[in-house]
Every structure is written in structure tokens, then in C-alpha cells.
Amino acid sequence: MVDMIGQNWLLLRGLSREAAHWGDFVGLLQARFPLAQISTLDLPGTGQRYLETSPCTVAEITESVRRQTLEKGLLNHPLTLVGLSLGGMVAWEWMLRYPQDIAGAVLINTSQANLSPFYQRLRWQSYPNFFKLMLRPSRFERELLILQWVVNRREEDEELASSWEAIQAQRPVSLCNTIRQLTAAARYRPREQRPAVPVLLLNSRGDRLVAPACSEAIHKKWQLALDTHPWAGHDLPLDDGEWVTYRLSTWLERLKHESEII
């Protein structure tokens, strides 16, 4: 199945974020892989599915996303998943439940409760930000605070915050769904099983939301490939999408080379 990796990409976002939050990354990925099919889907409770109630477990979220994938005809060829944070947990669960669906996966700044303590999976330094978010009456101020929390580049703050404000105005994620997604992520303890397909882990040295050690723990447990960005924040594709697509390209080249040797 190695020859199918990178032909049919599916991108999954994280906590209370939707497909539109990928921003320019989808275009960068398409430019890097011009012949590939690239799709995005929203987790239940976000984006086009914002009126739905989010399940409280990663397993149920995974089943919901897979049903949507089947409905849209995206499983005609094995998927290469790109999952950010909670999206990475969904990708992992999907690989374990339905290995025949997946050719490979890239997990960005994700974590698992059985491998990392809670104060690394949600860094204790970030706790005050939750209270600040709840106290902000302005949608723009809330989105700006989130942006400053997960992105380390500062030159586009106002523009991006306005864009995110517009997304939230059109498809608002309820506080209830945010809490339900947070609960699902906090409780996620996958079974002791290594995915049957190639996995690339990407993490950010400057992540102020999830400690880089969480990806390192997954890497050490299952001996998976890991690349670390030296300065980016939690939203690595937004901070440095070119770096991400380059890493994906070199990963696929390495896998192809290894398969030829075998």
C-alpha cells in the first residue's frame, strides 16, 4: 500500500476548529502534490456540522467522520490522513479500527492519555487562557486570543483574527461542543496496538498548548518517524506550511526508497 500514500489526502482539524482554519495550507499541499486528491472534513460540532452535537469519545467521533467519508465517496482509494491535535487522535483511532481504509498518516502536535500526563497534553501554563476566553465578550477578541495562543508568527494577527471571527460568526462552535470535544481528547487512551501503515509525527518546539514531549512519547513507544519544527506553535501548518509540505514530500520519498530496497 506504500505506493498509494500521498494520492488521496484527507485533512482533519483539532479542538473547535474547522476545515476553513487550514487557511493557505490546502493550497500549499496541492502545489506540492499536484496530481493528488486533497479533501477536508469537519468533526461533528464544527464547520458545516456545527449544529450537530459532538460525541464525547474519540471512538464515536471517528465513526462519525468515517461515515461522512463514505457518504462523500472519499474512500474509493486508501486515504493518507493529516490530523492536527484532536484530528491526530481521530486519525490514530481510524488506523486501528479500519486499517484497510488508510495508506498512511501524518499526526501533528497530538497526544494520548496513556502516554503523557494531563499537564503536558494541555500545558499548565495555558490554563488561564481558558478563563480569559470565557470572559471575552467580543468574538474578535476571543479569536485573537486563540490565535496568539496557538500561532507564533505575529505579522498577520489582525487579518487572521478577522478571518477567524467571520468563520465563527457563520458557523459558531458552541461552548457545549467545545467541552465535549475537550472531554473526548482528555480521555483518549487507544488500545496497545501499533498502526499497520506508515506514520509520520510532526511536532513544534514552540507549542504552548501541547508539550512537544507528547509526540516524542508516541515516537518512543512505537518507533515512529518524528520531525520537529524549531520555533512554530501548536498550529504548525499555519505557522510554516511550506516546512510541513516539504517534510511530507521527503517522508514519501523515504518510504518509496525503503520499499524499493525491500
C-alpha atoms as a PDB file:
ATOM      1  CA  MET A   1       0.000   0.000   0.000  1.00  0.00           C
ATOM      2  CA  VAL A   2       3.050   2.294   0.172  1.00  0.00           C
ATOM      3  CA  ASP A   3       2.550   3.285  -3.470  1.00  0.00           C
ATOM      4  CA  MET A   4      -0.887   4.689  -2.532  1.00  0.00           C
ATOM      5  CA  ILE A   5       0.409   7.080   0.140  1.00  0.00           C
ATOM      6  CA  GLY A   6       0.016  10.712  -0.833  1.00  0.00           C
ATOM      7  CA  GLN A   7      -2.539  10.151  -3.599  1.00  0.00           C
ATOM      8  CA  ASN A   8      -5.743  10.718  -1.611  1.00  0.00           C
ATOM      9  CA  TRP A   9      -5.241  13.152   1.279  1.00  0.00           C
ATOM     10  CA  LEU A  10      -7.838  13.838   3.982  1.00  0.00           C
ATOM     11  CA  LEU A  11      -7.211  16.669   6.446  1.00  0.00           C
ATOM     12  CA  LEU A  12      -8.728  16.690   9.946  1.00  0.00           C
ATOM     13  CA  ARG A  13      -8.597  19.717  12.254  1.00  0.00           C
ATOM     14  CA  GLY A  14      -8.455  19.889  16.042  1.00  0.00           C
ATOM     15  CA  LEU A  15     -10.443  21.172  19.007  1.00  0.00           C
ATOM     16  CA  SER A  16     -13.320  23.512  17.993  1.00  0.00           C
ATOM     17  CA  ARG A  17     -11.658  24.301  14.649  1.00  0.00           C
ATOM     18  CA  GLU A  18     -12.995  23.544  11.164  1.00  0.00           C
ATOM     19  CA  ALA A  19     -11.785  22.978   7.607  1.00  0.00           C
ATOM     20  CA  ALA A  20     -11.618  26.722   6.859  1.00  0.00           C
ATOM     21  CA  HIS A  21      -8.960  27.107   9.568  1.00  0.00           C
ATOM     22  CA  TRP A  22      -6.464  25.279   7.352  1.00  0.00           C
ATOM     23  CA  GLY A  23      -6.116  28.588   5.513  1.00  0.00           C
ATOM     24  CA  ASP A  24      -3.430  28.525   2.813  1.00  0.00           C
ATOM     25  CA  PHE A  25      -2.164  25.081   3.792  1.00  0.00           C
ATOM     26  CA  VAL A  26      -4.519  23.205   1.459  1.00  0.00           C
ATOM     27  CA  GLY A  27      -3.159  25.176  -1.499  1.00  0.00           C
ATOM     28  CA  LEU A  28       0.421  24.579  -0.401  1.00  0.00           C
ATOM     29  CA  LEU A  29      -0.239  20.845  -0.147  1.00  0.00           C
ATOM     30  CA  GLN A  30      -1.861  20.784  -3.581  1.00  0.00           C
ATOM     31  CA  ALA A  31       1.091  22.640  -5.062  1.00  0.00           C
ATOM     32  CA  ARG A  32       3.478  20.098  -3.543  1.00  0.00           C
ATOM     33  CA  PHE A  33       1.356  17.157  -4.791  1.00  0.00           C
ATOM     34  CA  PRO A  34      -0.377  18.489  -7.936  1.00  0.00           C
ATOM     35  CA  LEU A  35      -1.784  15.108  -9.015  1.00  0.00           C
ATOM     36  CA  ALA A  36      -3.211  14.216  -5.607  1.00  0.00           C
ATOM     37  CA  GLN A  37      -6.800  14.480  -4.438  1.00  0.00           C
ATOM     38  CA  ILE A  38      -6.993  16.647  -1.312  1.00  0.00           C
ATOM     39  CA  SER A  39     -10.129  16.772   0.840  1.00  0.00           C
ATOM     40  CA  THR A  40     -11.078  18.292   4.177  1.00  0.00           C
ATOM     41  CA  LEU A  41     -13.807  17.215   6.574  1.00  0.00           C
ATOM     42  CA  ASP A  42     -15.200  18.761   9.735  1.00  0.00           C
ATOM     43  CA  LEU A  43     -15.514  16.940  13.023  1.00  0.00           C
ATOM     44  CA  PRO A  44     -19.110  16.797  14.338  1.00  0.00           C
ATOM     45  CA  GLY A  45     -19.997  20.039  16.108  1.00  0.00           C
ATOM     46  CA  THR A  46     -17.739  22.198  13.913  1.00  0.00           C
ATOM     47  CA  GLY A  47     -17.763  23.777  10.458  1.00  0.00           C
ATOM     48  CA  GLN A  48     -20.539  22.519   8.188  1.00  0.00           C
ATOM     49  CA  ARG A  49     -21.572  20.248  11.063  1.00  0.00           C
ATOM     50  CA  TYR A  50     -21.737  22.942  13.745  1.00  0.00           C
ATOM     51  CA  LEU A  51     -25.406  22.244  14.535  1.00  0.00           C
ATOM     52  CA  GLU A  52     -24.619  18.629  15.448  1.00  0.00           C
ATOM     53  CA  THR A  53     -23.750  17.533  18.968  1.00  0.00           C
ATOM     54  CA  SER A  54     -20.167  16.356  19.260  1.00  0.00           C
ATOM     55  CA  PRO A  55     -19.670  12.880  20.727  1.00  0.00           C
ATOM     56  CA  CYS A  56     -17.711  12.689  23.980  1.00  0.00           C
ATOM     57  CA  THR A  57     -15.295   9.993  22.820  1.00  0.00           C
ATOM     58  CA  VAL A  58     -12.689   9.875  20.071  1.00  0.00           C
ATOM     59  CA  ALA A  59     -14.059   6.484  19.005  1.00  0.00           C
ATOM     60  CA  GLU A  60     -17.519   7.956  18.309  1.00  0.00           C
ATOM     61  CA  ILE A  61     -16.042  11.000  16.562  1.00  0.00           C
ATOM     62  CA  THR A  62     -14.025   8.641  14.364  1.00  0.00           C
ATOM     63  CA  GLU A  63     -17.083   6.610  13.414  1.00  0.00           C
ATOM     64  CA  SER A  64     -18.959   9.799  12.564  1.00  0.00           C
ATOM     65  CA  VAL A  65     -16.146  11.131  10.375  1.00  0.00           C
ATOM     66  CA  ARG A  66     -15.756   7.790   8.605  1.00  0.00           C
ATOM     67  CA  ARG A  67     -19.480   7.690   7.803  1.00  0.00           C
ATOM     68  CA  GLN A  68     -19.160  11.149   6.288  1.00  0.00           C
ATOM     69  CA  THR A  69     -16.175   9.985   4.255  1.00  0.00           C
ATOM     70  CA  LEU A  70     -18.167   7.060   2.867  1.00  0.00           C
ATOM     71  CA  GLU A  71     -21.133   9.315   2.055  1.00  0.00           C
ATOM     72  CA  LYS A  72     -18.885  11.664   0.085  1.00  0.00           C
ATOM     73  CA  GLY A  73     -17.219   8.819  -1.825  1.00  0.00           C
ATOM     74  CA  LEU A  74     -13.756   9.646  -0.496  1.00  0.00           C
ATOM     75  CA  LEU A  75     -12.833   6.053   0.289  1.00  0.00           C
ATOM     76  CA  ASN A  76     -12.615   4.814  -3.286  1.00  0.00           C
ATOM     77  CA  HIS A  77      -8.856   4.838  -2.730  1.00  0.00           C
ATOM     78  CA  PRO A  78      -6.958   4.443   0.579  1.00  0.00           C
ATOM     79  CA  LEU A  79      -6.604   7.698   2.496  1.00  0.00           C
ATOM     80  CA  THR A  80      -3.492   9.484   3.664  1.00  0.00           C
ATOM     81  CA  LEU A  81      -4.670  11.260   6.808  1.00  0.00           C
ATOM     82  CA  VAL A  82      -3.293  14.536   8.138  1.00  0.00           C
ATOM     83  CA  GLY A  83      -4.575  15.104  11.660  1.00  0.00           C
ATOM     84  CA  LEU A  84      -3.823  18.116  13.847  1.00  0.00           C
ATOM     85  CA  SER A  85      -4.154  17.713  17.629  1.00  0.00           C
ATOM     86  CA  LEU A  86      -7.614  16.134  18.214  1.00  0.00           C
ATOM     87  CA  GLY A  87      -7.634  15.354  14.488  1.00  0.00           C
ATOM     88  CA  GLY A  88      -4.482  13.317  15.082  1.00  0.00           C
ATOM     89  CA  MET A  89      -6.275  11.262  17.738  1.00  0.00           C
ATOM     90  CA  VAL A  90      -9.106  10.589  15.289  1.00  0.00           C
ATOM     91  CA  ALA A  91      -6.546   9.552  12.665  1.00  0.00           C
ATOM     92  CA  TRP A  92      -4.883   7.137  15.113  1.00  0.00           C
ATOM     93  CA  GLU A  93      -8.197   5.577  16.118  1.00  0.00           C
ATOM     94  CA  TRP A  94      -9.193   5.241  12.469  1.00  0.00           C
ATOM     95  CA  MET A  95      -5.958   3.397  11.653  1.00  0.00           C
ATOM     96  CA  LEU A  96      -6.613   0.921  14.455  1.00  0.00           C
ATOM     97  CA  ARG A  97     -10.299   0.367  13.660  1.00  0.00           C
ATOM     98  CA  TYR A  98     -10.231   0.331   9.859  1.00  0.00           C
ATOM     99  CA  PRO A  99      -6.659  -0.275   8.664  1.00  0.00           C
ATOM    100  CA  GLN A 100      -7.912  -1.133   5.183  1.00  0.00           C
ATOM    101  CA  ASP A 101      -9.087   2.482   4.758  1.00  0.00           C
ATOM    102  CA  ILE A 102      -5.710   4.087   5.376  1.00  0.00           C
ATOM    103  CA  ALA A 103      -2.475   4.132   3.360  1.00  0.00           C
ATOM    104  CA  GLY A 104      -0.583   6.312   5.852  1.00  0.00           C
ATOM    105  CA  ALA A 105      -0.985   9.155   8.310  1.00  0.00           C
ATOM    106  CA  VAL A 106       0.678  12.357   9.474  1.00  0.00           C
ATOM    107  CA  LEU A 107      -0.068  13.349  13.062  1.00  0.00           C
ATOM    108  CA  ILE A 108       0.692  16.947  14.057  1.00  0.00           C
ATOM    109  CA  ASN A 109       1.103  18.040  17.691  1.00  0.00           C
ATOM    110  CA  THR A 110      -1.134  15.288  19.009  1.00  0.00           C
ATOM    111  CA  SER A 111      -1.137  13.300  22.259  1.00  0.00           C
ATOM    112  CA  GLN A 112      -2.517  10.238  24.052  1.00  0.00           C
ATOM    113  CA  ALA A 113      -3.618   9.989  27.670  1.00  0.00           C
ATOM    114  CA  ASN A 114      -1.925   6.638  28.255  1.00  0.00           C
ATOM    115  CA  LEU A 115       1.487   8.009  27.249  1.00  0.00           C
ATOM    116  CA  SER A 116       1.577  11.602  28.537  1.00  0.00           C
ATOM    117  CA  PRO A 117       0.354  13.301  31.740  1.00  0.00           C
ATOM    118  CA  PHE A 118      -2.511  15.801  31.590  1.00  0.00           C
ATOM    119  CA  TYR A 119      -0.255  18.771  32.316  1.00  0.00           C
ATOM    120  CA  GLN A 120       1.705  18.036  29.134  1.00  0.00           C
ATOM    121  CA  ARG A 121      -1.317  17.261  26.953  1.00  0.00           C
ATOM    122  CA  LEU A 122      -2.707  20.659  27.919  1.00  0.00           C
ATOM    123  CA  ARG A 123       0.225  22.627  29.283  1.00  0.00           C
ATOM    124  CA  TRP A 124      -0.488  24.071  32.722  1.00  0.00           C
ATOM    125  CA  GLN A 125       0.751  27.485  31.582  1.00  0.00           C
ATOM    126  CA  SER A 126      -2.241  27.648  29.223  1.00  0.00           C
ATOM    127  CA  TYR A 127      -4.953  27.148  31.859  1.00  0.00           C
ATOM    128  CA  PRO A 128      -5.510  30.909  32.474  1.00  0.00           C
ATOM    129  CA  ASN A 129      -6.291  31.331  28.780  1.00  0.00           C
ATOM    130  CA  PHE A 130      -9.464  29.288  29.174  1.00  0.00           C
ATOM    131  CA  PHE A 131     -10.787  31.731  31.748  1.00  0.00           C
ATOM    132  CA  LYS A 132      -9.758  34.688  29.578  1.00  0.00           C
ATOM    133  CA  LEU A 133     -11.629  33.198  26.614  1.00  0.00           C
ATOM    134  CA  MET A 134     -14.821  32.755  28.609  1.00  0.00           C
ATOM    135  CA  LEU A 135     -14.665  36.340  29.883  1.00  0.00           C
ATOM    136  CA  ARG A 136     -14.165  37.955  26.456  1.00  0.00           C
ATOM    137  CA  PRO A 137     -17.497  39.357  25.196  1.00  0.00           C
ATOM    138  CA  SER A 138     -16.050  40.184  21.770  1.00  0.00           C
ATOM    139  CA  ARG A 139     -15.831  37.360  19.235  1.00  0.00           C
ATOM    140  CA  PHE A 140     -12.864  39.113  17.598  1.00  0.00           C
ATOM    141  CA  GLU A 141     -11.009  39.336  20.933  1.00  0.00           C
ATOM    142  CA  ARG A 142     -11.637  35.650  21.622  1.00  0.00           C
ATOM    143  CA  GLU A 143     -10.323  34.607  18.222  1.00  0.00           C
ATOM    144  CA  LEU A 144      -7.320  36.920  18.575  1.00  0.00           C
ATOM    145  CA  LEU A 145      -6.505  35.336  21.943  1.00  0.00           C
ATOM    146  CA  ILE A 146      -6.761  31.829  20.441  1.00  0.00           C
ATOM    147  CA  LEU A 147      -4.536  32.915  17.567  1.00  0.00           C
ATOM    148  CA  GLN A 148      -1.901  34.346  19.905  1.00  0.00           C
ATOM    149  CA  TRP A 149      -2.061  31.119  21.891  1.00  0.00           C
ATOM    150  CA  VAL A 150      -1.533  28.635  19.028  1.00  0.00           C
ATOM    151  CA  VAL A 151       0.457  30.588  16.412  1.00  0.00           C
ATOM    152  CA  ASN A 152       3.942  32.045  16.915  1.00  0.00           C
ATOM    153  CA  ARG A 153       4.104  34.303  13.839  1.00  0.00           C
ATOM    154  CA  ARG A 154       2.732  37.726  14.703  1.00  0.00           C
ATOM    155  CA  GLU A 155       2.737  39.675  11.427  1.00  0.00           C
ATOM    156  CA  GLU A 156      -0.788  38.634  10.347  1.00  0.00           C
ATOM    157  CA  ASP A 157      -2.606  38.628  13.701  1.00  0.00           C
ATOM    158  CA  GLU A 158      -5.276  41.219  12.880  1.00  0.00           C
ATOM    159  CA  GLU A 159      -6.048  39.789   9.443  1.00  0.00           C
ATOM    160  CA  LEU A 160      -6.217  36.199  10.664  1.00  0.00           C
ATOM    161  CA  ALA A 161      -8.280  37.084  13.727  1.00  0.00           C
ATOM    162  CA  SER A 162     -10.796  38.878  11.483  1.00  0.00           C
ATOM    163  CA  SER A 163     -10.929  35.815   9.220  1.00  0.00           C
ATOM    164  CA  TRP A 164     -11.457  33.509  12.182  1.00  0.00           C
ATOM    165  CA  GLU A 165     -14.109  35.857  13.588  1.00  0.00           C
ATOM    166  CA  ALA A 166     -16.005  35.568  10.292  1.00  0.00           C
ATOM    167  CA  ILE A 167     -15.754  31.770  10.390  1.00  0.00           C
ATOM    168  CA  GLN A 168     -17.115  31.692  13.934  1.00  0.00           C
ATOM    169  CA  ALA A 169     -19.927  34.107  13.025  1.00  0.00           C
ATOM    170  CA  GLN A 170     -21.063  31.895  10.134  1.00  0.00           C
ATOM    171  CA  ARG A 171     -20.603  28.516  11.806  1.00  0.00           C
ATOM    172  CA  PRO A 172     -20.339  29.070  15.567  1.00  0.00           C
ATOM    173  CA  VAL A 173     -18.971  26.254  17.697  1.00  0.00           C
ATOM    174  CA  SER A 174     -20.966  26.092  20.908  1.00  0.00           C
ATOM    175  CA  LEU A 175     -19.317  26.045  24.317  1.00  0.00           C
ATOM    176  CA  CYS A 176     -21.063  22.707  24.908  1.00  0.00           C
ATOM    177  CA  ASN A 177     -19.440  21.145  21.837  1.00  0.00           C
ATOM    178  CA  THR A 178     -16.043  22.577  22.750  1.00  0.00           C
ATOM    179  CA  ILE A 179     -16.309  20.971  26.185  1.00  0.00           C
ATOM    180  CA  ARG A 180     -17.476  17.665  24.689  1.00  0.00           C
ATOM    181  CA  GLN A 181     -14.529  17.629  22.263  1.00  0.00           C
ATOM    182  CA  LEU A 182     -12.145  18.561  25.066  1.00  0.00           C
ATOM    183  CA  THR A 183     -13.562  15.694  27.133  1.00  0.00           C
ATOM    184  CA  ALA A 184     -13.066  13.256  24.255  1.00  0.00           C
ATOM    185  CA  ALA A 185      -9.464  14.374  23.796  1.00  0.00           C
ATOM    186  CA  ALA A 186      -8.666  14.290  27.514  1.00  0.00           C
ATOM    187  CA  ARG A 187      -9.958  10.720  27.874  1.00  0.00           C
ATOM    188  CA  TYR A 188      -8.370   9.279  24.751  1.00  0.00           C
ATOM    189  CA  ARG A 189      -6.447   6.111  25.592  1.00  0.00           C
ATOM    190  CA  PRO A 190      -6.041   3.972  22.467  1.00  0.00           C
ATOM    191  CA  ARG A 191      -5.525   0.267  22.761  1.00  0.00           C
ATOM    192  CA  GLU A 192      -1.976  -1.095  22.779  1.00  0.00           C
ATOM    193  CA  GLN A 193      -1.522  -1.594  19.068  1.00  0.00           C
ATOM    194  CA  ARG A 194       0.889  -0.146  16.531  1.00  0.00           C
ATOM    195  CA  PRO A 195      -0.775   1.121  13.334  1.00  0.00           C
ATOM    196  CA  ALA A 196      -0.267  -1.202  10.381  1.00  0.00           C
ATOM    197  CA  VAL A 197       0.596   1.643   7.993  1.00  0.00           C
ATOM    198  CA  PRO A 198       3.433   4.221   7.911  1.00  0.00           C
ATOM    199  CA  VAL A 199       3.004   7.139  10.320  1.00  0.00           C
ATOM    200  CA  LEU A 200       4.886  10.432  10.452  1.00  0.00           C
ATOM    201  CA  LEU A 201       4.785  12.518  13.624  1.00  0.00           C
ATOM    202  CA  LEU A 202       5.349  16.271  13.427  1.00  0.00           C
ATOM    203  CA  ASN A 203       5.674  18.485  16.481  1.00  0.00           C
ATOM    204  CA  SER A 204       6.609  22.067  17.255  1.00  0.00           C
ATOM    205  CA  ARG A 205       9.300  23.093  19.704  1.00  0.00           C
ATOM    206  CA  GLY A 206       7.387  26.319  20.371  1.00  0.00           C
ATOM    207  CA  ASP A 207       3.991  24.681  21.047  1.00  0.00           C
ATOM    208  CA  ARG A 208       2.472  26.461  24.069  1.00  0.00           C
ATOM    209  CA  LEU A 209      -0.704  24.352  24.108  1.00  0.00           C
ATOM    210  CA  VAL A 210       0.543  20.750  23.896  1.00  0.00           C
ATOM    211  CA  ALA A 211       4.060  19.861  25.034  1.00  0.00           C
ATOM    212  CA  PRO A 212       6.341  18.515  22.274  1.00  0.00           C
ATOM    213  CA  ALA A 213       7.078  15.655  24.662  1.00  0.00           C
ATOM    214  CA  CYS A 214       3.639  14.192  23.830  1.00  0.00           C
ATOM    215  CA  SER A 215       4.640  13.447  20.236  1.00  0.00           C
ATOM    216  CA  GLU A 216       8.022  12.247  21.466  1.00  0.00           C
ATOM    217  CA  ALA A 217       6.273   9.757  23.762  1.00  0.00           C
ATOM    218  CA  ILE A 218       4.326   8.283  20.828  1.00  0.00           C
ATOM    219  CA  HIS A 219       7.542   8.178  18.800  1.00  0.00           C
ATOM    220  CA  LYS A 220       9.416   6.302  21.533  1.00  0.00           C
ATOM    221  CA  LYS A 221       6.572   3.900  22.286  1.00  0.00           C
ATOM    222  CA  TRP A 222       6.042   2.750  18.699  1.00  0.00           C
ATOM    223  CA  GLN A 223       9.327   3.745  16.980  1.00  0.00           C
ATOM    224  CA  LEU A 224       7.578   6.045  14.508  1.00  0.00           C
ATOM    225  CA  ALA A 225       9.232   8.732  12.384  1.00  0.00           C
ATOM    226  CA  LEU A 226       9.313  12.152  14.059  1.00  0.00           C
ATOM    227  CA  ASP A 227      10.305  15.593  12.724  1.00  0.00           C
ATOM    228  CA  THR A 228      10.405  18.641  14.999  1.00  0.00           C
ATOM    229  CA  HIS A 229       9.967  22.242  13.896  1.00  0.00           C
ATOM    230  CA  PRO A 230      12.361  24.556  15.772  1.00  0.00           C
ATOM    231  CA  TRP A 231      10.072  27.532  16.525  1.00  0.00           C
ATOM    232  CA  ALA A 232       6.453  27.007  15.355  1.00  0.00           C
ATOM    233  CA  GLY A 233       3.449  26.909  17.671  1.00  0.00           C
ATOM    234  CA  HIS A 234       0.606  24.441  18.029  1.00  0.00           C
ATOM    235  CA  ASP A 235      -0.888  25.357  14.637  1.00  0.00           C
ATOM    236  CA  LEU A 236       2.190  24.208  12.747  1.00  0.00           C
ATOM    237  CA  PRO A 237       0.566  24.210   9.261  1.00  0.00           C
ATOM    238  CA  LEU A 238      -0.383  27.861   9.720  1.00  0.00           C
ATOM    239  CA  ASP A 239       2.964  28.908  11.168  1.00  0.00           C
ATOM    240  CA  ASP A 240       5.070  27.198   8.495  1.00  0.00           C
ATOM    241  CA  GLY A 241       3.028  25.287   5.922  1.00  0.00           C
ATOM    242  CA  GLU A 242       5.946  25.126   3.493  1.00  0.00           C
ATOM    243  CA  TRP A 243       8.034  23.268   6.069  1.00  0.00           C
ATOM    244  CA  VAL A 244       5.187  20.798   6.654  1.00  0.00           C
ATOM    245  CA  THR A 245       4.662  20.035   2.964  1.00  0.00           C
ATOM    246  CA  TYR A 246       8.404  19.620   2.464  1.00  0.00           C
ATOM    247  CA  ARG A 247       8.531  17.127   5.340  1.00  0.00           C
ATOM    248  CA  LEU A 248       5.627  15.205   3.836  1.00  0.00           C
ATOM    249  CA  SER A 249       7.417  15.073   0.493  1.00  0.00           C
ATOM    250  CA  THR A 250      10.680  13.802   1.980  1.00  0.00           C
ATOM    251  CA  TRP A 251       8.757  11.251   4.082  1.00  0.00           C
ATOM    252  CA  LEU A 252       7.064   9.841   0.971  1.00  0.00           C
ATOM    253  CA  GLU A 253      10.378   9.730  -0.896  1.00  0.00           C
ATOM    254  CA  ARG A 254      11.959   7.864   2.006  1.00  0.00           C
ATOM    255  CA  LEU A 255       9.105   5.345   2.132  1.00  0.00           C
ATOM    256  CA  LYS A 256       9.342   4.744  -1.615  1.00  0.00           C
ATOM    257  CA  HIS A 257      13.093   4.245  -1.385  1.00  0.00           C
ATOM    258  CA  GLU A 258      12.720   1.790   1.503  1.00  0.00           C
ATOM    259  CA  SER A 259      10.074  -0.212  -0.362  1.00  0.00           C
ATOM    260  CA  GLU A 260      12.327  -0.469  -3.424  1.00  0.00           C
ATOM    261  CA  ILE A 261      15.164  -1.832  -1.297  1.00  0.00           C
ATOM    262  CA  ILE A 262      12.884  -4.456   0.202  1.00  0.00           C
END
